[in-house]
Every structure is written in structure tokens, then in C-alpha cells.
């Protein structure tokens, strides 16, 4: 395996992802916008206000990503009864909507990018010159997609949910060109704490050093995300929504704006509290030391 020449991956906006850098915090909007441009833009604004460094969307070509046997299955949706393939098209954002997202993010100074689930979606996103790509856990074994994304020359975050160590190694061998980061994840929505296995963050850091390793969480609550940061996650991704009661499969595992704001605040506190690992006597301890130490 080739190794990364630098521990720092440039992401634009004077931001980097890597060891020794501030935790890069991603609000995963995904498809929680339910195909609405108005809602997508509101979510970008809310994520920015909550302190996210980036927002992420999901891009699919429905005919490629939906098994043919599911196309004509009928389901109830907020827009009435429709086939599954009609629903998949309904929740995709248009090119013009992504232009609006791109314009808003540039005005706000927040990074945006996407998980591309198929090769034509990579071509679609190339029109916007996004600074990095995410490969979803479901796509980790799609060699054609991995090679297509690698060919863009952009940094890549590879999510490792529902994957064996051998599958992860194979994907890393394809992708690692010096700008690759790995995300520990468990692909259950929402994920119970006993299946989060956060110590895999340490395992991935040891095995793939110096590649940055982060955490993509699908649990409810924030405590386990804080634990991921304490274990050394260089970045954190959590699903983001304006209201967890909204319709959609990812809403229950998402964080609302106020919770996301608290998460950002607390992650920054954890970063400061972790320090540099060098034991020292702080100036603030000198007074208590003089008063309380009987023998110096």
C-alpha cells in the first residue's frame, strides 16, 4: 500500500483534515431534504449557524442504484402513492438546486460535498468542482466507482460500515494516492451503542497510519460521538435535520440544529481538554502547590 505523504489533507477555505488539526465536523444532510430545494437551503444555513465545517449531500442515478425488481414496488409517501423508482427520483435534487447550494455555501464560507453512489453521479458533481468526495459504506466494494472517484484527483473519505478488514484493505489499495481518509461506521440506522465498536477507530489508526481516521455516526444521542473524538477521530460526520419527526429513513438517526450546536461546542472543549500529553505544572497550580505541599 502506498502511504500518505502528508498527515494533512487540504480541503479549501484554509481548512485541513488530519492529525493535529481541529476536528473537521460534517453535517450530513444526505436526503433529509426530501427533494425540496427550499428545505435543502434552510438546512445548509442551519448547519452553518450550528458551527459545522461542511455539509454533505448524497447523489444517485436512481436507475443504477435501485435494483430493477424494486422499481415498480408501490409505497406511500408524503406526496401520495408512487412506485419506488418514482420516489427515488422525487428525492433527488436537480442541477439548478445544486447550483443554488453551491452559491449559498460559497457565500457562507462553508464547504459542501457529496457521496456519489454511481459513476454518472461523479460526472454530475464534477461540474461543481467540489473539494472532496465521500464513498458510502455501501459502495466500498464498487471498484469502478472507486477508480472513477480516484481519477478526479480530489481528496476522498471512505466509509467502512458493513465491511470486512479484507474489503477495507482492497479499497484502500485502490484509493490511496496521498489524499485518503477513513471513516469508522456501523451501517445500522439508528445504531445501538453495543454495535458502535468505537475502538475500531484506534485499530484503523494503527493499521493505516498516517491516513486520517474519523467517525461517521448513526446513533441517537451525542455521548458516543464525543467518545470517538477522545479516541482520536480526526473528523466527525453526523446526519443533520431540522426536525427528527420529518418523513424519511434517516431522520431518526439525525441531530437537530440545537443538538448539533451543542455537539460542535463540546467537541471543541474536548479538543482543548485533551492537550498535548506532556505532563507539566501549570501556572494556575503554583498557588495551590505552595499552600498544600508540605514538603517541596
Protein backbone atom coordinates (compact mmCIF):
# COMPACT_ATOMS: atom_id res chain seq x y z
CA UNK A 1 0.00 0.00 0.00
CA UNK A 2 1.21 3.49 -0.79
CA UNK A 3 1.28 5.83 2.18
CA UNK A 4 0.17 9.39 2.52
CA UNK A 5 2.97 11.91 2.08
CA UNK A 6 1.35 14.34 4.50
CA UNK A 7 -0.83 13.98 7.56
CA UNK A 8 -2.85 16.98 6.41
CA UNK A 9 -5.39 16.86 3.60
CA UNK A 10 -6.25 20.32 2.19
CA UNK A 11 -9.99 20.91 1.88
CA UNK A 12 -10.18 24.57 0.87
CA UNK A 13 -11.29 27.55 2.98
CA UNK A 14 -7.89 27.25 4.74
CA UNK A 15 -9.08 24.01 6.31
CA UNK A 16 -7.26 20.71 6.62
CA UNK A 17 -8.17 17.20 7.68
CA UNK A 18 -5.58 15.23 9.59
CA UNK A 19 -3.57 14.55 12.70
CA UNK A 20 -3.05 17.62 14.85
CA UNK A 21 -5.75 19.60 13.04
CA UNK A 22 -9.07 20.69 14.60
CA UNK A 23 -11.74 18.02 14.24
CA UNK A 24 -13.49 18.53 10.88
CA UNK A 25 -17.22 18.47 11.62
CA UNK A 26 -19.60 17.41 8.85
CA UNK A 27 -23.37 17.86 8.85
CA UNK A 28 -24.68 15.01 6.71
CA UNK A 29 -27.82 16.40 5.09
CA UNK A 30 -27.96 13.35 2.83
CA UNK A 31 -31.52 13.04 1.54
CA UNK A 32 -33.16 14.56 4.63
CA UNK A 33 -34.22 17.46 2.39
CA UNK A 34 -36.77 15.09 0.79
CA UNK A 35 -36.09 16.59 -2.63
CA UNK A 36 -37.01 20.15 -1.60
CA UNK A 37 -34.69 22.97 -2.66
CA UNK A 38 -36.18 25.27 -0.03
CA UNK A 39 -35.57 22.73 2.71
CA UNK A 40 -32.05 21.91 1.47
CA UNK A 41 -31.03 25.58 1.58
CA UNK A 42 -32.55 26.04 5.04
CA UNK A 43 -30.59 23.04 6.25
CA UNK A 44 -27.33 24.46 4.88
CA UNK A 45 -27.98 27.73 6.69
CA UNK A 46 -28.88 25.94 9.93
CA UNK A 47 -25.79 23.70 9.78
CA UNK A 48 -23.57 26.74 9.20
CA UNK A 49 -25.17 28.56 12.13
CA UNK A 50 -24.58 25.48 14.32
CA UNK A 51 -20.86 25.58 13.56
CA UNK A 52 -20.45 22.78 11.02
CA UNK A 53 -17.33 22.96 8.86
CA UNK A 54 -19.06 21.23 5.96
CA UNK A 55 -22.39 19.93 4.71
CA UNK A 56 -22.70 16.74 2.72
CA UNK A 57 -25.35 15.51 0.30
CA UNK A 58 -25.98 12.18 -1.44
CA UNK A 59 -26.16 11.89 -5.23
CA UNK A 60 -27.61 8.89 -7.05
CA UNK A 61 -28.74 7.91 -10.51
CA UNK A 62 -31.93 6.07 -9.48
CA UNK A 63 -31.97 3.59 -12.38
CA UNK A 64 -28.42 2.49 -11.50
CA UNK A 65 -28.72 2.45 -7.72
CA UNK A 66 -32.17 0.86 -7.45
CA UNK A 67 -32.46 -2.89 -8.15
CA UNK A 68 -34.85 -3.40 -11.12
CA UNK A 69 -37.08 -5.73 -9.11
CA UNK A 70 -37.83 -2.80 -6.75
CA UNK A 71 -38.69 -0.22 -9.41
CA UNK A 72 -42.41 -0.92 -9.56
CA UNK A 73 -42.98 -1.63 -5.89
CA UNK A 74 -45.66 0.79 -4.69
CA UNK A 75 -45.20 2.73 -1.47
CA UNK A 76 -46.94 5.52 0.37
CA UNK A 77 -45.03 8.81 0.58
CA UNK A 78 -45.82 12.35 1.71
CA UNK A 79 -46.57 13.05 -1.97
CA UNK A 80 -49.04 10.21 -2.30
CA UNK A 81 -48.76 6.67 -3.60
CA UNK A 82 -45.96 6.11 -6.12
CA UNK A 83 -43.57 3.45 -7.35
CA UNK A 84 -40.21 3.15 -5.65
CA UNK A 85 -38.32 4.37 -8.72
CA UNK A 86 -40.61 7.43 -8.85
CA UNK A 87 -39.85 8.04 -5.19
CA UNK A 88 -36.08 7.76 -5.78
CA UNK A 89 -36.36 10.44 -8.48
CA UNK A 90 -38.55 12.57 -6.21
CA UNK A 91 -35.86 12.86 -3.51
CA UNK A 92 -33.02 13.70 -5.94
CA UNK A 93 -32.04 17.36 -6.21
CA UNK A 94 -31.79 18.99 -9.63
CA UNK A 95 -28.72 20.54 -11.22
CA UNK A 96 -30.20 24.00 -10.65
CA UNK A 97 -30.76 23.23 -6.97
CA UNK A 98 -27.14 22.16 -6.59
CA UNK A 99 -26.15 25.42 -8.26
CA UNK A 100 -28.14 27.25 -5.58
CA UNK A 101 -26.49 25.14 -2.87
CA UNK A 102 -23.05 25.87 -4.31
CA UNK A 103 -23.77 29.60 -4.43
CA UNK A 104 -25.10 29.66 -0.85
CA UNK A 105 -22.17 27.68 0.55
CA UNK A 106 -19.65 29.95 -1.16
CA UNK A 107 -21.43 33.00 0.28
CA UNK A 108 -21.48 31.47 3.78
CA UNK A 109 -17.93 30.17 3.58
CA UNK A 110 -18.90 26.57 4.35
CA UNK A 111 -17.59 23.55 2.44
CA UNK A 112 -20.04 21.27 0.69
CA UNK A 113 -19.53 17.91 -0.97
CA UNK A 114 -21.37 14.68 -1.70
CA UNK A 115 -21.42 10.91 -1.57
CA UNK A 116 -21.68 9.69 -5.15
CA UNK A 117 -23.32 6.27 -5.40
CA UNK A 118 -22.60 5.64 -9.09
CA UNK A 119 -20.22 6.75 -11.81
CA UNK A 120 -22.55 9.19 -13.67
CA UNK A 121 -23.10 10.97 -10.34
CA UNK A 122 -19.35 11.66 -10.18
CA UNK A 123 -19.56 13.34 -13.58
CA UNK A 124 -22.56 15.33 -12.31
CA UNK A 125 -20.64 16.58 -9.27
CA UNK A 126 -17.51 17.40 -11.25
CA UNK A 127 -19.40 20.36 -12.71
CA UNK A 128 -19.32 21.99 -9.27
CA UNK A 129 -15.63 21.41 -8.51
CA UNK A 130 -16.39 20.13 -5.01
CA UNK A 131 -13.23 19.90 -2.84
CA UNK A 132 -13.63 16.25 -1.80
CA UNK A 133 -15.76 13.15 -2.25
CA UNK A 134 -17.27 10.68 0.18
CA UNK A 135 -17.63 7.00 -0.66
CA UNK A 136 -20.53 5.49 1.26
CA UNK A 137 -20.11 2.18 3.05
CA UNK A 138 -22.48 0.57 0.56
CA UNK A 139 -20.12 1.48 -2.29
CA UNK A 140 -16.85 0.30 -0.71
CA UNK A 141 -16.64 -2.78 -2.97
CA UNK A 142 -17.63 -0.94 -6.19
CA UNK A 143 -14.23 -0.94 -7.88
CA UNK A 144 -15.40 1.03 -10.91
CA UNK A 145 -16.78 3.81 -8.71
CA UNK A 146 -13.65 3.89 -6.55
CA UNK A 147 -11.43 4.24 -9.60
CA UNK A 148 -13.72 6.91 -11.08
CA UNK A 149 -13.54 8.99 -7.90
CA UNK A 150 -9.79 8.48 -7.55
CA UNK A 151 -9.37 9.78 -11.11
CA UNK A 152 -10.83 13.16 -10.08
CA UNK A 153 -7.66 13.78 -8.06
CA UNK A 154 -9.75 15.11 -5.17
CA UNK A 155 -9.44 14.04 -1.51
CA UNK A 156 -11.66 11.10 -0.56
CA UNK A 157 -13.34 9.98 2.67
CA UNK A 158 -14.03 6.25 2.61
CA UNK A 159 -16.71 5.00 4.99
CA UNK A 160 -16.12 1.46 6.26
CA UNK A 161 -19.50 0.30 7.59
CA UNK A 162 -20.66 -3.28 6.87
CA UNK A 163 -17.19 -4.11 5.55
CA UNK A 164 -14.66 -6.81 6.40
CA UNK A 165 -10.99 -5.95 7.06
CA UNK A 166 -10.12 -7.56 3.72
CA UNK A 167 -12.66 -5.43 1.84
CA UNK A 168 -11.33 -2.27 3.52
CA UNK A 169 -7.74 -3.17 2.61
CA UNK A 170 -8.70 -3.77 -1.02
CA UNK A 171 -10.49 -0.40 -1.24
CA UNK A 172 -7.59 1.44 0.38
CA UNK A 173 -5.14 -0.16 -2.05
CA UNK A 174 -7.25 1.21 -4.93
CA UNK A 175 -7.81 4.69 -3.49
CA UNK A 176 -4.74 5.68 -1.51
CA UNK A 177 -2.98 8.35 -3.51
CA UNK A 178 -2.00 10.60 -0.61
CA UNK A 179 -5.37 12.24 -0.01
CA UNK A 180 -7.46 9.48 1.56
CA UNK A 181 -9.20 9.42 4.95
CA UNK A 182 -11.11 6.54 6.54
CA UNK A 183 -14.36 6.79 8.47
CA UNK A 184 -15.29 4.15 11.02
CA UNK A 185 -19.02 3.43 10.85
CA UNK A 186 -21.64 0.81 11.62
CA UNK A 187 -24.35 0.80 8.95
CA UNK A 188 -27.39 0.48 11.19
CA UNK A 189 -29.93 3.34 11.45
CA UNK A 190 -30.13 4.13 14.31
CA UNK A 191 -27.23 2.08 15.65
CA UNK A 192 -27.41 0.64 19.20
CA UNK A 193 -24.41 1.55 21.39
CA UNK A 194 -23.23 -2.07 21.70
CA UNK A 195 -22.66 -2.21 17.94
CA UNK A 196 -20.74 1.07 17.56
CA UNK A 197 -17.41 -0.61 18.42
CA UNK A 198 -15.61 2.73 18.70
CA UNK A 199 -12.26 1.09 19.41
CA UNK A 200 -12.10 0.28 15.70
CA UNK A 201 -11.04 3.94 15.35
CA UNK A 202 -7.84 3.02 17.19
CA UNK A 203 -7.48 -0.14 15.09
CA UNK A 204 -7.76 1.77 11.83
CA UNK A 205 -5.35 4.45 13.06
CA UNK A 206 -2.71 1.81 13.84
CA UNK A 207 -3.18 -0.20 10.65
CA UNK A 208 -3.42 2.67 8.19
CA UNK A 209 -1.25 5.36 9.78
CA UNK A 210 -0.70 8.08 8.67
CA UNK A 211 -4.12 8.14 6.94
CA UNK A 212 -6.54 10.31 8.93
CA UNK A 213 -9.30 8.30 10.58
CA UNK A 214 -12.68 9.73 11.60
CA UNK A 215 -16.14 8.67 12.62
CA UNK A 216 -19.47 8.57 10.80
CA UNK A 217 -22.13 8.07 13.46
CA UNK A 218 -25.70 6.83 13.02
CA UNK A 219 -26.64 6.54 16.68
CA UNK A 220 -29.06 8.61 18.74
CA UNK A 221 -27.52 10.96 21.29
CA UNK A 222 -24.14 12.65 21.32
CA UNK A 223 -22.11 10.98 24.09
CA UNK A 224 -20.68 8.27 21.84
CA UNK A 225 -19.63 10.85 19.25
CA UNK A 226 -17.67 12.64 21.98
CA UNK A 227 -16.04 9.32 22.82
CA UNK A 228 -14.99 8.96 19.16
CA UNK A 229 -13.23 12.32 19.35
CA UNK A 230 -11.49 11.31 22.58
CA UNK A 231 -10.31 8.13 20.82
CA UNK A 232 -8.63 10.24 18.13
CA UNK A 233 -11.18 10.79 15.36
CA UNK A 234 -9.84 13.49 13.02
CA UNK A 235 -13.33 14.21 11.69
CA UNK A 236 -16.92 13.56 12.71
CA UNK A 237 -19.96 13.16 10.49
CA UNK A 238 -23.49 13.10 11.88
CA UNK A 239 -26.77 13.14 9.99
CA UNK A 240 -28.46 16.54 10.25
CA UNK A 241 -32.13 17.50 10.14
CA UNK A 242 -34.33 20.43 11.05
CA UNK A 243 -36.84 18.12 12.74
CA UNK A 244 -36.37 14.44 13.57
CA UNK A 245 -40.13 13.95 13.21
CA UNK A 246 -39.96 14.71 9.46
CA UNK A 247 -40.62 11.90 6.99
CA UNK A 248 -37.57 9.95 5.88
CA UNK A 249 -35.49 6.89 6.71
CA UNK A 250 -32.51 8.82 8.13
CA UNK A 251 -34.38 11.31 10.31
CA UNK A 252 -34.39 9.16 13.47
CA UNK A 253 -30.58 8.90 13.47
CA UNK A 254 -30.12 12.63 12.78
CA UNK A 255 -29.22 15.58 15.01
CA UNK A 256 -31.35 18.74 15.09
CA UNK A 257 -29.75 22.22 14.92
CA UNK A 258 -29.61 22.93 18.66
CA UNK A 259 -28.17 19.49 19.38
CA UNK A 260 -25.63 19.95 16.58
CA UNK A 261 -24.61 23.33 18.01
CA UNK A 262 -24.02 21.71 21.41
CA UNK A 263 -22.06 18.91 19.75
CA UNK A 264 -19.75 21.38 17.99
CA UNK A 265 -19.24 23.34 21.22
CA UNK A 266 -18.46 20.21 23.23
CA UNK A 267 -16.12 18.76 20.61
CA UNK A 268 -14.09 21.98 20.71
CA UNK A 269 -13.97 21.72 24.52
CA UNK A 270 -12.80 18.10 24.27
CA UNK A 271 -10.05 19.12 21.83
CA UNK A 272 -8.76 21.74 24.26
CA UNK A 273 -9.06 19.36 27.21
CA UNK A 274 -7.08 16.57 25.52
CA UNK A 275 -3.98 18.77 25.42
CA UNK A 276 -0.57 17.61 24.20
CA UNK A 277 0.01 14.66 26.54
CA UNK A 278 3.08 16.25 28.16
CA UNK A 279 2.80 16.34 31.95
CA UNK A 280 3.60 19.77 33.39
CA UNK A 281 2.83 22.02 36.34
CA UNK A 282 0.53 24.81 35.19
CA UNK A 283 0.93 28.36 36.41
CA UNK A 284 -2.57 28.13 37.89
CA UNK A 285 -1.31 25.25 40.08
CA UNK A 286 1.60 27.18 41.61
CA UNK A 287 -0.51 28.85 44.31
CA UNK A 288 -2.22 25.62 45.45
CA UNK A 289 1.14 23.84 45.22
CA UNK A 290 2.76 26.37 47.56
CA UNK A 291 -0.15 26.20 50.03
CA UNK A 292 -0.81 22.48 50.01
CA UNK A 293 2.59 20.83 49.59
CA UNK A 294 4.21 20.46 52.98
CA UNK A 295 7.45 19.13 51.57
CA UNK A 296 8.99 20.66 48.46
